[in-house]
Amino acid sequence: MSMALISIASVGLLLTLNPIGGGRILVAVSIPPLAEFVEAVGGERVEVIIMVPEGASPHTYEPTPGQLSKLSRADLYVMVGSGIEFELSWMDRFREINPEMRVVNASLGLELLRDDPHVWLSPRCAMVMVENIYSALVELDPEHEAYYAENRDRYLAQLWELDGEFREVASRAEIKAILVYHPAWGYLCRDYGFQQLALEREGKEPSPRWIEQLTEEAKSRGIRVVFTSPQSGRRGVEAIAEELNAEIVEIDPLAEDYVDNMHRVLEALREALGVG
């Protein structure tokens, strides 16, 4: 899953022709957050299939025969496009199963971070992804462009509000770093001026020496919260939390209710960063 820092602009939207009839557009997405993006823009014009269901890991998940059967009828596939392991393993197979399906790279135009595919976890990046989804739906179904545009603008307003709230927290933060188990929050930290300290490195559990080093750095920064996620391990979490007298807080990088989930993340960050 390692990727050099690249611009996705050169990749482009990967689209093939597939005419749409009068029914709803069947859209497959890789992960749950993309489902909200598609449903927000597509509204009643779309039906969404999530290939990696909520609670599963995109690092290891394999689609079921039932999912592959549905995928064979999909009109559009929205891929994250940032190097998540699931897409690296399965996209060629998906194209073989449904060669007429259009494929949109939701990360088109975003600068990606090395070894971090979690691009959707920054509201600023999410706005670009929503725009790319809008463009794909309009190209597929141009007669409903005004409908998609209205939906897009309504949802982008929510993301702009989120962006403002994260900027406000960043401007008032007493602590400028977060301690996490799985390094999923690099884009959020990059875009809002935090540093991410991660127990897990390159997908491997932390060694005792690394736990010791992180504990000392976290102490020097005044960190009192350790973030975990439902999909990640917990090796070393309890030990480092005890040493720091820190609270263990779970935040989910893959929740389907994206806007509501990011508000939950925001509230967790307020406490972790010392924002009253």
C-alpha atoms as a PDB file:
ATOM      1  CA  MET A   1       0.000   0.000   0.000  1.00  0.00           C
ATOM      2  CA  SER A   2       3.067   2.276   0.004  1.00  0.00           C
ATOM      3  CA  MET A   3       2.758   5.193  -2.384  1.00  0.00           C
ATOM      4  CA  ALA A   4       5.065   8.113  -3.055  1.00  0.00           C
ATOM      5  CA  LEU A   5       3.645  11.593  -2.621  1.00  0.00           C
ATOM      6  CA  ILE A   6       1.847  12.083  -5.885  1.00  0.00           C
ATOM      7  CA  SER A   7      -0.738  14.202  -7.560  1.00  0.00           C
ATOM      8  CA  ILE A   8      -3.767  12.242  -8.658  1.00  0.00           C
ATOM      9  CA  ALA A   9      -4.447  14.853 -11.323  1.00  0.00           C
ATOM     10  CA  SER A  10      -2.458  12.739 -13.762  1.00  0.00           C
ATOM     11  CA  VAL A  11      -4.578   9.667 -13.124  1.00  0.00           C
ATOM     12  CA  GLY A  12      -7.840  11.170 -14.342  1.00  0.00           C
ATOM     13  CA  LEU A  13     -11.386   9.969 -14.198  1.00  0.00           C
ATOM     14  CA  LEU A  14     -11.493   6.441 -15.526  1.00  0.00           C
ATOM     15  CA  LEU A  15     -14.786   6.272 -17.379  1.00  0.00           C
ATOM     16  CA  THR A  16     -16.224   3.885 -19.923  1.00  0.00           C
ATOM     17  CA  LEU A  17     -19.498   4.249 -21.741  1.00  0.00           C
ATOM     18  CA  ASN A  18     -22.603   2.692 -20.238  1.00  0.00           C
ATOM     19  CA  PRO A  19     -25.988   4.205 -21.108  1.00  0.00           C
ATOM     20  CA  ILE A  20     -28.497   4.648 -18.286  1.00  0.00           C
ATOM     21  CA  GLY A  21     -32.138   3.707 -18.606  1.00  0.00           C
ATOM     22  CA  GLY A  22     -35.033   5.309 -16.802  1.00  0.00           C
ATOM     23  CA  GLY A  23     -34.410   3.646 -13.420  1.00  0.00           C
ATOM     24  CA  ARG A  24     -32.119   4.585 -10.585  1.00  0.00           C
ATOM     25  CA  ILE A  25     -28.372   4.587 -11.148  1.00  0.00           C
ATOM     26  CA  LEU A  26     -26.723   1.647  -9.392  1.00  0.00           C
ATOM     27  CA  VAL A  27     -23.505   2.941  -7.824  1.00  0.00           C
ATOM     28  CA  ALA A  28     -20.905   0.760  -6.123  1.00  0.00           C
ATOM     29  CA  VAL A  29     -18.471   2.336  -3.657  1.00  0.00           C
ATOM     30  CA  SER A  30     -15.473   0.875  -1.886  1.00  0.00           C
ATOM     31  CA  ILE A  31     -16.085   2.142   1.663  1.00  0.00           C
ATOM     32  CA  PRO A  32     -19.018   3.439   3.757  1.00  0.00           C
ATOM     33  CA  PRO A  33     -18.090   7.169   3.820  1.00  0.00           C
ATOM     34  CA  LEU A  34     -18.302   7.284   0.024  1.00  0.00           C
ATOM     35  CA  ALA A  35     -21.861   5.986   0.248  1.00  0.00           C
ATOM     36  CA  GLU A  36     -22.932   9.155   2.042  1.00  0.00           C
ATOM     37  CA  PHE A  37     -21.161  11.296  -0.563  1.00  0.00           C
ATOM     38  CA  VAL A  38     -22.953   9.511  -3.412  1.00  0.00           C
ATOM     39  CA  GLU A  39     -26.353   9.518  -1.709  1.00  0.00           C
ATOM     40  CA  ALA A  40     -25.995  13.197  -0.779  1.00  0.00           C
ATOM     41  CA  VAL A  41     -25.423  14.187  -4.413  1.00  0.00           C
ATOM     42  CA  GLY A  42     -27.480  11.513  -6.154  1.00  0.00           C
ATOM     43  CA  GLY A  43     -30.492  11.577  -3.839  1.00  0.00           C
ATOM     44  CA  GLU A  44     -33.414   9.516  -5.091  1.00  0.00           C
ATOM     45  CA  ARG A  45     -31.678   9.009  -8.440  1.00  0.00           C
ATOM     46  CA  VAL A  46     -29.134   6.509  -7.038  1.00  0.00           C
ATOM     47  CA  GLU A  47     -28.948   3.158  -5.303  1.00  0.00           C
ATOM     48  CA  VAL A  48     -25.644   2.423  -3.541  1.00  0.00           C
ATOM     49  CA  ILE A  49     -23.736  -0.822  -2.979  1.00  0.00           C
ATOM     50  CA  ILE A  50     -20.972  -0.704  -0.329  1.00  0.00           C
ATOM     51  CA  MET A  51     -18.244  -3.226  -1.120  1.00  0.00           C
ATOM     52  CA  VAL A  52     -16.425  -3.025   2.257  1.00  0.00           C
ATOM     53  CA  PRO A  53     -19.271  -2.915   4.792  1.00  0.00           C
ATOM     54  CA  GLU A  54     -19.162  -0.919   8.005  1.00  0.00           C
ATOM     55  CA  GLY A  55     -17.080  -2.707  10.639  1.00  0.00           C
ATOM     56  CA  ALA A  56     -14.910  -4.529   8.081  1.00  0.00           C
ATOM     57  CA  SER A  57     -11.316  -3.613   7.252  1.00  0.00           C
ATOM     58  CA  PRO A  58     -10.403  -2.470   3.720  1.00  0.00           C
ATOM     59  CA  HIS A  59      -6.969  -3.972   4.358  1.00  0.00           C
ATOM     60  CA  THR A  60      -8.287  -7.549   4.490  1.00  0.00           C
ATOM     61  CA  TYR A  61     -11.924  -7.690   3.329  1.00  0.00           C
ATOM     62  CA  GLU A  62     -12.950  -9.947   0.439  1.00  0.00           C
ATOM     63  CA  PRO A  63     -16.319  -9.307  -1.256  1.00  0.00           C
ATOM     64  CA  THR A  64     -18.998 -11.982  -1.088  1.00  0.00           C
ATOM     65  CA  PRO A  65     -20.492 -13.722  -4.139  1.00  0.00           C
ATOM     66  CA  GLY A  66     -23.677 -11.731  -3.548  1.00  0.00           C
ATOM     67  CA  GLN A  67     -21.777  -8.450  -3.662  1.00  0.00           C
ATOM     68  CA  LEU A  68     -20.006  -9.471  -6.857  1.00  0.00           C
ATOM     69  CA  SER A  69     -23.343 -10.373  -8.415  1.00  0.00           C
ATOM     70  CA  LYS A  70     -24.717  -6.910  -7.617  1.00  0.00           C
ATOM     71  CA  LEU A  71     -21.512  -5.308  -8.864  1.00  0.00           C
ATOM     72  CA  SER A  72     -22.018  -6.977 -12.240  1.00  0.00           C
ATOM     73  CA  ARG A  73     -25.126  -4.801 -12.682  1.00  0.00           C
ATOM     74  CA  ALA A  74     -23.605  -1.516 -11.442  1.00  0.00           C
ATOM     75  CA  ASP A  75     -23.609   1.550 -13.686  1.00  0.00           C
ATOM     76  CA  LEU A  76     -20.862   3.392 -11.792  1.00  0.00           C
ATOM     77  CA  TYR A  77     -18.055   2.539  -9.382  1.00  0.00           C
ATOM     78  CA  VAL A  78     -16.695   5.254  -7.081  1.00  0.00           C
ATOM     79  CA  MET A  79     -13.221   4.316  -5.917  1.00  0.00           C
ATOM     80  CA  VAL A  80     -11.300   6.224  -3.263  1.00  0.00           C
ATOM     81  CA  GLY A  81      -8.271   6.297  -5.555  1.00  0.00           C
ATOM     82  CA  SER A  82      -5.714   6.882  -2.814  1.00  0.00           C
ATOM     83  CA  GLY A  83      -4.188   3.428  -2.614  1.00  0.00           C
ATOM     84  CA  ILE A  84      -6.420   1.571  -0.167  1.00  0.00           C
ATOM     85  CA  GLU A  85      -5.492  -2.089  -0.127  1.00  0.00           C
ATOM     86  CA  PHE A  86      -8.970  -3.282  -1.094  1.00  0.00           C
ATOM     87  CA  GLU A  87      -8.890  -1.339  -4.367  1.00  0.00           C
ATOM     88  CA  LEU A  88      -5.329  -2.375  -5.168  1.00  0.00           C
ATOM     89  CA  SER A  89      -6.391  -6.004  -4.758  1.00  0.00           C
ATOM     90  CA  TRP A  90      -9.809  -5.953  -6.409  1.00  0.00           C
ATOM     91  CA  MET A  91     -10.319  -3.201  -8.989  1.00  0.00           C
ATOM     92  CA  ASP A  92      -8.936  -5.205 -11.913  1.00  0.00           C
ATOM     93  CA  ARG A  93     -11.288  -8.058 -11.027  1.00  0.00           C
ATOM     94  CA  PHE A  94     -14.241  -5.670 -10.751  1.00  0.00           C
ATOM     95  CA  ARG A  95     -13.536  -4.326 -14.235  1.00  0.00           C
ATOM     96  CA  GLU A  96     -13.445  -7.874 -15.576  1.00  0.00           C
ATOM     97  CA  ILE A  97     -16.777  -8.677 -13.923  1.00  0.00           C
ATOM     98  CA  ASN A  98     -18.423  -5.531 -15.301  1.00  0.00           C
ATOM     99  CA  PRO A  99     -16.432  -4.044 -18.193  1.00  0.00           C
ATOM    100  CA  GLU A 100     -19.243  -1.602 -19.070  1.00  0.00           C
ATOM    101  CA  MET A 101     -19.261  -0.037 -15.592  1.00  0.00           C
ATOM    102  CA  ARG A 102     -17.945   3.503 -15.378  1.00  0.00           C
ATOM    103  CA  VAL A 103     -15.254   4.056 -12.751  1.00  0.00           C
ATOM    104  CA  VAL A 104     -14.595   7.416 -11.118  1.00  0.00           C
ATOM    105  CA  ASN A 105     -11.503   8.234  -9.094  1.00  0.00           C
ATOM    106  CA  ALA A 106     -12.887  10.313  -6.217  1.00  0.00           C
ATOM    107  CA  SER A 107      -9.403  11.586  -5.294  1.00  0.00           C
ATOM    108  CA  LEU A 108      -8.842  13.264  -8.658  1.00  0.00           C
ATOM    109  CA  GLY A 109      -6.924  16.510  -8.108  1.00  0.00           C
ATOM    110  CA  LEU A 110      -5.829  15.782  -4.530  1.00  0.00           C
ATOM    111  CA  GLU A 111      -2.203  15.567  -3.427  1.00  0.00           C
ATOM    112  CA  LEU A 112      -1.796  12.248  -1.647  1.00  0.00           C
ATOM    113  CA  LEU A 113       0.360  11.417   1.330  1.00  0.00           C
ATOM    114  CA  ARG A 114       2.820   8.552   1.323  1.00  0.00           C
ATOM    115  CA  ASP A 115       1.475   5.423   3.043  1.00  0.00           C
ATOM    116  CA  ASP A 116      -1.855   6.997   4.013  1.00  0.00           C
ATOM    117  CA  PRO A 117      -4.933   6.177   1.916  1.00  0.00           C
ATOM    118  CA  HIS A 118      -7.432   7.777   4.341  1.00  0.00           C
ATOM    119  CA  VAL A 119      -7.934  10.880   2.214  1.00  0.00           C
ATOM    120  CA  TRP A 120     -11.655  11.237   3.017  1.00  0.00           C
ATOM    121  CA  LEU A 121     -10.936  12.053   6.687  1.00  0.00           C
ATOM    122  CA  SER A 122     -10.207  15.699   5.940  1.00  0.00           C
ATOM    123  CA  PRO A 123     -13.355  17.735   5.201  1.00  0.00           C
ATOM    124  CA  ARG A 124     -11.306  19.744   2.705  1.00  0.00           C
ATOM    125  CA  CYS A 125     -10.460  16.587   0.776  1.00  0.00           C
ATOM    126  CA  ALA A 126     -14.040  15.365   1.114  1.00  0.00           C
ATOM    127  CA  MET A 127     -15.250  18.483  -0.722  1.00  0.00           C
ATOM    128  CA  VAL A 128     -13.090  17.611  -3.727  1.00  0.00           C
ATOM    129  CA  MET A 129     -14.311  14.018  -3.648  1.00  0.00           C
ATOM    130  CA  VAL A 130     -17.929  15.191  -3.652  1.00  0.00           C
ATOM    131  CA  GLU A 131     -17.236  17.420  -6.664  1.00  0.00           C
ATOM    132  CA  ASN A 132     -15.732  14.464  -8.534  1.00  0.00           C
ATOM    133  CA  ILE A 133     -18.766  12.316  -7.736  1.00  0.00           C
ATOM    134  CA  TYR A 134     -21.051  15.111  -8.933  1.00  0.00           C
ATOM    135  CA  SER A 135     -19.152  15.334 -12.236  1.00  0.00           C
ATOM    136  CA  ALA A 136     -19.424  11.580 -12.769  1.00  0.00           C
ATOM    137  CA  LEU A 137     -23.171  11.529 -12.091  1.00  0.00           C
ATOM    138  CA  VAL A 138     -23.762  14.455 -14.446  1.00  0.00           C
ATOM    139  CA  GLU A 139     -21.758  12.793 -17.208  1.00  0.00           C
ATOM    140  CA  LEU A 140     -23.750   9.610 -16.697  1.00  0.00           C
ATOM    141  CA  ASP A 141     -27.142  11.333 -16.352  1.00  0.00           C
ATOM    142  CA  PRO A 142     -26.891  14.861 -17.821  1.00  0.00           C
ATOM    143  CA  GLU A 143     -30.628  15.529 -17.927  1.00  0.00           C
ATOM    144  CA  HIS A 144     -30.673  15.694 -14.106  1.00  0.00           C
ATOM    145  CA  GLU A 145     -27.683  18.033 -13.775  1.00  0.00           C
ATOM    146  CA  ALA A 146     -29.653  20.742 -11.941  1.00  0.00           C
ATOM    147  CA  TYR A 147     -30.931  18.201  -9.410  1.00  0.00           C
ATOM    148  CA  TYR A 148     -27.418  16.924  -8.709  1.00  0.00           C
ATOM    149  CA  ALA A 149     -26.041  20.463  -8.467  1.00  0.00           C
ATOM    150  CA  GLU A 150     -28.633  21.469  -5.883  1.00  0.00           C
ATOM    151  CA  ASN A 151     -27.890  18.368  -3.803  1.00  0.00           C
ATOM    152  CA  ARG A 152     -24.143  18.896  -4.113  1.00  0.00           C
ATOM    153  CA  ASP A 153     -24.343  22.501  -2.966  1.00  0.00           C
ATOM    154  CA  ARG A 154     -26.475  21.558   0.032  1.00  0.00           C
ATOM    155  CA  TYR A 155     -23.992  18.893   1.125  1.00  0.00           C
ATOM    156  CA  LEU A 156     -20.927  21.052   0.450  1.00  0.00           C
ATOM    157  CA  ALA A 157     -22.403  23.655   2.802  1.00  0.00           C
ATOM    158  CA  GLN A 158     -22.286  21.044   5.574  1.00  0.00           C
ATOM    159  CA  LEU A 159     -18.667  20.236   4.749  1.00  0.00           C
ATOM    160  CA  TRP A 160     -17.742  23.933   4.734  1.00  0.00           C
ATOM    161  CA  GLU A 161     -19.283  24.210   8.191  1.00  0.00           C
ATOM    162  CA  LEU A 162     -17.230  21.225   9.355  1.00  0.00           C
ATOM    163  CA  ASP A 163     -14.094  22.774   7.875  1.00  0.00           C
ATOM    164  CA  GLY A 164     -14.715  25.977   9.805  1.00  0.00           C
ATOM    165  CA  GLU A 165     -15.195  24.085  13.059  1.00  0.00           C
ATOM    166  CA  PHE A 166     -11.954  22.157  12.596  1.00  0.00           C
ATOM    167  CA  ARG A 167     -10.111  25.396  11.795  1.00  0.00           C
ATOM    168  CA  GLU A 168     -11.541  26.949  14.957  1.00  0.00           C
ATOM    169  CA  VAL A 169     -10.359  24.017  17.083  1.00  0.00           C
ATOM    170  CA  ALA A 170      -6.915  24.141  15.458  1.00  0.00           C
ATOM    171  CA  SER A 171      -6.557  27.846  16.189  1.00  0.00           C
ATOM    172  CA  ARG A 172      -7.346  27.330  19.884  1.00  0.00           C
ATOM    173  CA  ALA A 173      -5.514  24.051  20.483  1.00  0.00           C
ATOM    174  CA  GLU A 174      -3.086  24.005  23.398  1.00  0.00           C
ATOM    175  CA  ILE A 175      -1.719  20.628  22.271  1.00  0.00           C
ATOM    176  CA  LYS A 176      -0.640  20.311  18.637  1.00  0.00           C
ATOM    177  CA  ALA A 177      -0.405  16.528  18.313  1.00  0.00           C
ATOM    178  CA  ILE A 178      -2.662  13.493  18.623  1.00  0.00           C
ATOM    179  CA  LEU A 179      -1.671   9.962  19.643  1.00  0.00           C
ATOM    180  CA  VAL A 180      -3.369   7.177  17.681  1.00  0.00           C
ATOM    181  CA  TYR A 181      -2.986   3.444  17.245  1.00  0.00           C
ATOM    182  CA  HIS A 182      -3.621   3.255  13.481  1.00  0.00           C
ATOM    183  CA  PRO A 183      -2.266   6.215  11.453  1.00  0.00           C
ATOM    184  CA  ALA A 184      -5.531   7.036   9.685  1.00  0.00           C
ATOM    185  CA  TRP A 185      -5.658  10.762  10.397  1.00  0.00           C
ATOM    186  CA  GLY A 186      -2.752  12.138   8.381  1.00  0.00           C
ATOM    187  CA  TYR A 187      -4.905  14.223   6.004  1.00  0.00           C
ATOM    188  CA  LEU A 188      -6.890  15.726   8.860  1.00  0.00           C
ATOM    189  CA  CYS A 189      -3.655  16.602  10.657  1.00  0.00           C
ATOM    190  CA  ARG A 190      -2.024  17.973   7.503  1.00  0.00           C
ATOM    191  CA  ASP A 191      -4.937  20.212   6.593  1.00  0.00           C
ATOM    192  CA  TYR A 192      -5.535  21.598  10.087  1.00  0.00           C
ATOM    193  CA  GLY A 193      -2.020  21.865  11.488  1.00  0.00           C
ATOM    194  CA  PHE A 194      -1.725  18.911  13.873  1.00  0.00           C
ATOM    195  CA  GLN A 195       0.889  16.175  14.118  1.00  0.00           C
ATOM    196  CA  GLN A 196      -0.102  12.517  14.223  1.00  0.00           C
ATOM    197  CA  LEU A 197       1.876  10.173  16.485  1.00  0.00           C
ATOM    198  CA  ALA A 198       1.048   6.547  15.661  1.00  0.00           C
ATOM    199  CA  LEU A 199       1.724   3.333  17.535  1.00  0.00           C
ATOM    200  CA  GLU A 200       1.303   1.213  14.408  1.00  0.00           C
ATOM    201  CA  ARG A 201       3.933   1.674  11.692  1.00  0.00           C
ATOM    202  CA  GLU A 202       3.723   0.261   8.152  1.00  0.00           C
ATOM    203  CA  GLY A 203       0.864  -1.974   9.246  1.00  0.00           C
ATOM    204  CA  LYS A 204       2.937  -3.618  11.984  1.00  0.00           C
ATOM    205  CA  GLU A 205       2.226  -3.789  15.697  1.00  0.00           C
ATOM    206  CA  PRO A 206       4.420  -1.498  17.812  1.00  0.00           C
ATOM    207  CA  SER A 207       7.589  -2.855  19.369  1.00  0.00           C
ATOM    208  CA  PRO A 208       8.307  -2.288  23.082  1.00  0.00           C
ATOM    209  CA  ARG A 209      11.041   0.183  22.112  1.00  0.00           C
ATOM    210  CA  TRP A 210       8.675   2.189  19.887  1.00  0.00           C
ATOM    211  CA  ILE A 211       6.029   2.254  22.619  1.00  0.00           C
ATOM    212  CA  GLU A 212       8.646   3.594  25.024  1.00  0.00           C
ATOM    213  CA  GLN A 213       9.749   6.292  22.571  1.00  0.00           C
ATOM    214  CA  LEU A 214       6.184   7.384  21.873  1.00  0.00           C
ATOM    215  CA  THR A 215       5.384   7.477  25.570  1.00  0.00           C
ATOM    216  CA  GLU A 216       8.229   9.885  26.196  1.00  0.00           C
ATOM    217  CA  GLU A 217       7.244  12.120  23.280  1.00  0.00           C
ATOM    218  CA  ALA A 218       3.594  12.102  24.317  1.00  0.00           C
ATOM    219  CA  LYS A 219       4.586  13.080  27.853  1.00  0.00           C
ATOM    220  CA  SER A 220       6.650  15.990  26.576  1.00  0.00           C
ATOM    221  CA  ARG A 221       3.663  17.228  24.543  1.00  0.00           C
ATOM    222  CA  GLY A 222       1.128  16.897  27.325  1.00  0.00           C
ATOM    223  CA  ILE A 223      -0.978  14.291  25.500  1.00  0.00           C
ATOM    224  CA  ARG A 224      -3.721  12.783  27.656  1.00  0.00           C
ATOM    225  CA  VAL A 225      -5.826  10.896  25.074  1.00  0.00           C
ATOM    226  CA  VAL A 226      -5.011   7.792  23.014  1.00  0.00           C
ATOM    227  CA  PHE A 227      -7.233   7.266  19.971  1.00  0.00           C
ATOM    228  CA  THR A 228      -8.165   3.812  18.687  1.00  0.00           C
ATOM    229  CA  SER A 229     -10.541   2.669  15.951  1.00  0.00           C
ATOM    230  CA  PRO A 230     -12.952  -0.277  15.652  1.00  0.00           C
ATOM    231  CA  GLN A 231     -10.877  -1.781  12.834  1.00  0.00           C
ATOM    232  CA  SER A 232      -7.417  -1.551  14.450  1.00  0.00           C
ATOM    233  CA  GLY A 233      -5.484  -3.484  17.066  1.00  0.00           C
ATOM    234  CA  ARG A 234      -4.771  -2.373  20.599  1.00  0.00           C
ATOM    235  CA  ARG A 235      -1.269  -3.660  21.292  1.00  0.00           C
ATOM    236  CA  GLY A 236       0.450  -1.244  23.641  1.00  0.00           C
ATOM    237  CA  VAL A 237      -2.603   1.019  23.983  1.00  0.00           C
ATOM    238  CA  GLU A 238      -3.428   0.142  27.584  1.00  0.00           C
ATOM    239  CA  ALA A 239       0.227   0.310  28.633  1.00  0.00           C
ATOM    240  CA  ILE A 240       0.875   3.709  27.104  1.00  0.00           C
ATOM    241  CA  ALA A 241      -2.452   5.058  28.371  1.00  0.00           C
ATOM    242  CA  GLU A 242      -1.595   3.938  31.901  1.00  0.00           C
ATOM    243  CA  GLU A 243       1.862   5.482  31.703  1.00  0.00           C
ATOM    244  CA  LEU A 244       0.399   8.791  30.482  1.00  0.00           C
ATOM    245  CA  ASN A 245      -2.638   8.623  32.759  1.00  0.00           C
ATOM    246  CA  ALA A 246      -4.517   9.038  29.491  1.00  0.00           C
ATOM    247  CA  GLU A 247      -8.042   8.235  28.373  1.00  0.00           C
ATOM    248  CA  ILE A 248      -8.595   5.729  25.547  1.00  0.00           C
ATOM    249  CA  VAL A 249     -11.115   7.102  23.029  1.00  0.00           C
ATOM    250  CA  GLU A 250     -12.441   5.268  19.966  1.00  0.00           C
ATOM    251  CA  ILE A 251     -12.989   7.212  16.737  1.00  0.00           C
ATOM    252  CA  ASP A 252     -14.089   5.504  13.536  1.00  0.00           C
ATOM    253  CA  PRO A 253     -12.432   6.356  10.191  1.00  0.00           C
ATOM    254  CA  LEU A 254     -14.959   4.292   8.226  1.00  0.00           C
ATOM    255  CA  ALA A 255     -18.371   5.239   9.625  1.00  0.00           C
ATOM    256  CA  GLU A 256     -21.043   5.609   6.962  1.00  0.00           C
ATOM    257  CA  ASP A 257     -22.658   8.696   8.543  1.00  0.00           C
ATOM    258  CA  TYR A 258     -19.740  10.878   7.473  1.00  0.00           C
ATOM    259  CA  VAL A 259     -20.829  14.345   8.612  1.00  0.00           C
ATOM    260  CA  ASP A 260     -22.201  13.156  11.948  1.00  0.00           C
ATOM    261  CA  ASN A 261     -19.123  11.007  12.499  1.00  0.00           C
ATOM    262  CA  MET A 262     -16.754  13.890  11.796  1.00  0.00           C
ATOM    263  CA  HIS A 263     -18.635  15.965  14.351  1.00  0.00           C
ATOM    264  CA  ARG A 264     -17.973  13.154  16.847  1.00  0.00           C
ATOM    265  CA  VAL A 265     -14.301  13.241  15.889  1.00  0.00           C
ATOM    266  CA  LEU A 266     -14.323  17.015  16.304  1.00  0.00           C
ATOM    267  CA  GLU A 267     -15.680  16.769  19.845  1.00  0.00           C
ATOM    268  CA  ALA A 268     -13.084  14.125  20.714  1.00  0.00           C
ATOM    269  CA  LEU A 269     -10.350  16.423  19.388  1.00  0.00           C
ATOM    270  CA  ARG A 270     -11.616  19.340  21.458  1.00  0.00           C
ATOM    271  CA  GLU A 271     -10.868  17.362  24.603  1.00  0.00           C
ATOM    272  CA  ALA A 272      -7.635  15.816  23.333  1.00  0.00           C
ATOM    273  CA  LEU A 273      -6.178  19.160  22.204  1.00  0.00           C
ATOM    274  CA  GLY A 274      -7.177  21.110  25.283  1.00  0.00           C
ATOM    275  CA  VAL A 275      -9.869  23.225  23.635  1.00  0.00           C
ATOM    276  CA  GLY A 276     -12.599  24.257  26.070  1.00  0.00           C
END
